[in-house]
C-alpha cells in the first residue's frame, strides 16, 4: 500500500485535494518536529514530549513555536 502525497502549499503546509490544510496532531513527538523545524525547536522539552504538552505548557500554537525557533 503506497503512501498518499499531498501537494505542499506556499506556506509549507500540506493540503489535500480539496485545499484543506493538514494540522500536526497533538501526539506528534518533539523529536519528529525537530527533524522538520530544526534542533532548536521546543528548546527545554524532551524529545519524547508531545506537541500537545509543549503547546499546553507554553500556550503557543505550532506556528508561534516555529516562528520562535527561526527568530533565534
Protein backbone atom coordinates (compact mmCIF):
# COMPACT_ATOMS: atom_id res chain seq x y z
CA UNK A 1 0.00 0.00 0.00
CA UNK A 2 1.55 3.32 -1.06
CA UNK A 3 1.51 6.47 0.97
CA UNK A 4 -0.53 9.46 -0.10
CA UNK A 5 1.31 12.52 -1.30
CA UNK A 6 -0.33 15.85 -0.70
CA UNK A 7 0.86 18.95 -2.53
CA UNK A 8 2.70 21.49 -0.41
CA UNK A 9 1.17 24.96 -0.18
CA UNK A 10 3.05 28.24 -0.33
CA UNK A 11 3.22 28.29 3.46
CA UNK A 12 4.92 24.87 3.51
CA UNK A 13 1.92 23.04 4.95
CA UNK A 14 0.36 20.15 3.11
CA UNK A 15 -3.07 20.41 1.54
CA UNK A 16 -5.36 17.66 0.33
CA UNK A 17 -7.31 17.63 -2.95
CA UNK A 18 -9.95 19.99 -1.50
CA UNK A 19 -7.30 22.51 -0.42
CA UNK A 20 -7.71 21.79 3.30
CA UNK A 21 -4.56 22.21 5.41
CA UNK A 22 -3.43 19.22 7.44
CA UNK A 23 -2.58 20.19 11.00
CA UNK A 24 0.05 18.42 13.09
CA UNK A 25 -1.51 16.09 15.62
CA UNK A 26 -1.07 16.88 19.29
CA UNK A 27 0.52 13.46 19.84
CA UNK A 28 3.37 14.23 17.40
CA UNK A 29 6.67 13.91 19.24
CA UNK A 30 9.05 16.84 19.59
CA UNK A 31 11.78 14.62 18.11
CA UNK A 32 9.82 14.38 14.85
CA UNK A 33 9.18 18.12 14.78
CA UNK A 34 12.88 18.85 15.35
CA UNK A 35 13.67 16.87 12.21
CA UNK A 36 11.34 19.18 10.27
CA UNK A 37 11.91 22.53 12.01
CA UNK A 38 15.46 22.22 13.34
CA UNK A 39 17.21 21.13 16.55
CA UNK A 40 16.23 24.30 18.43
CA UNK A 41 12.50 23.60 18.18
CA UNK A 42 10.85 23.45 21.64
CA UNK A 43 14.12 24.07 23.46
CA UNK A 44 13.87 22.83 27.05
CA UNK A 45 11.49 19.98 26.23
CA UNK A 46 12.48 16.34 25.98
CA UNK A 47 12.50 14.77 22.54
CA UNK A 48 9.82 12.26 23.59
CA UNK A 49 7.41 15.02 24.71
CA UNK A 50 4.30 15.51 22.61
CA UNK A 51 3.30 18.65 20.74
CA UNK A 52 0.17 18.89 22.90
CA UNK A 53 2.31 19.00 26.04
CA UNK A 54 4.51 21.76 24.61
CA UNK A 55 1.52 23.77 23.44
CA UNK A 56 -0.16 23.41 26.84
CA UNK A 57 2.94 24.47 28.75
CA UNK A 58 3.75 27.44 26.51
CA UNK A 59 0.22 28.48 25.43
CA UNK A 60 1.58 28.84 21.89
CA UNK A 61 0.44 27.46 18.56
CA UNK A 62 2.72 25.37 16.38
CA UNK A 63 3.14 28.38 14.09
CA UNK A 64 4.29 30.53 17.03
CA UNK A 65 6.71 27.82 18.22
CA UNK A 66 8.24 27.54 14.73
CA UNK A 67 8.46 31.32 14.47
CA UNK A 68 10.29 31.43 17.84
CA UNK A 69 12.71 28.77 16.60
CA UNK A 70 13.51 30.71 13.42
CA UNK A 71 13.98 34.04 15.23
CA UNK A 72 16.84 32.70 17.38
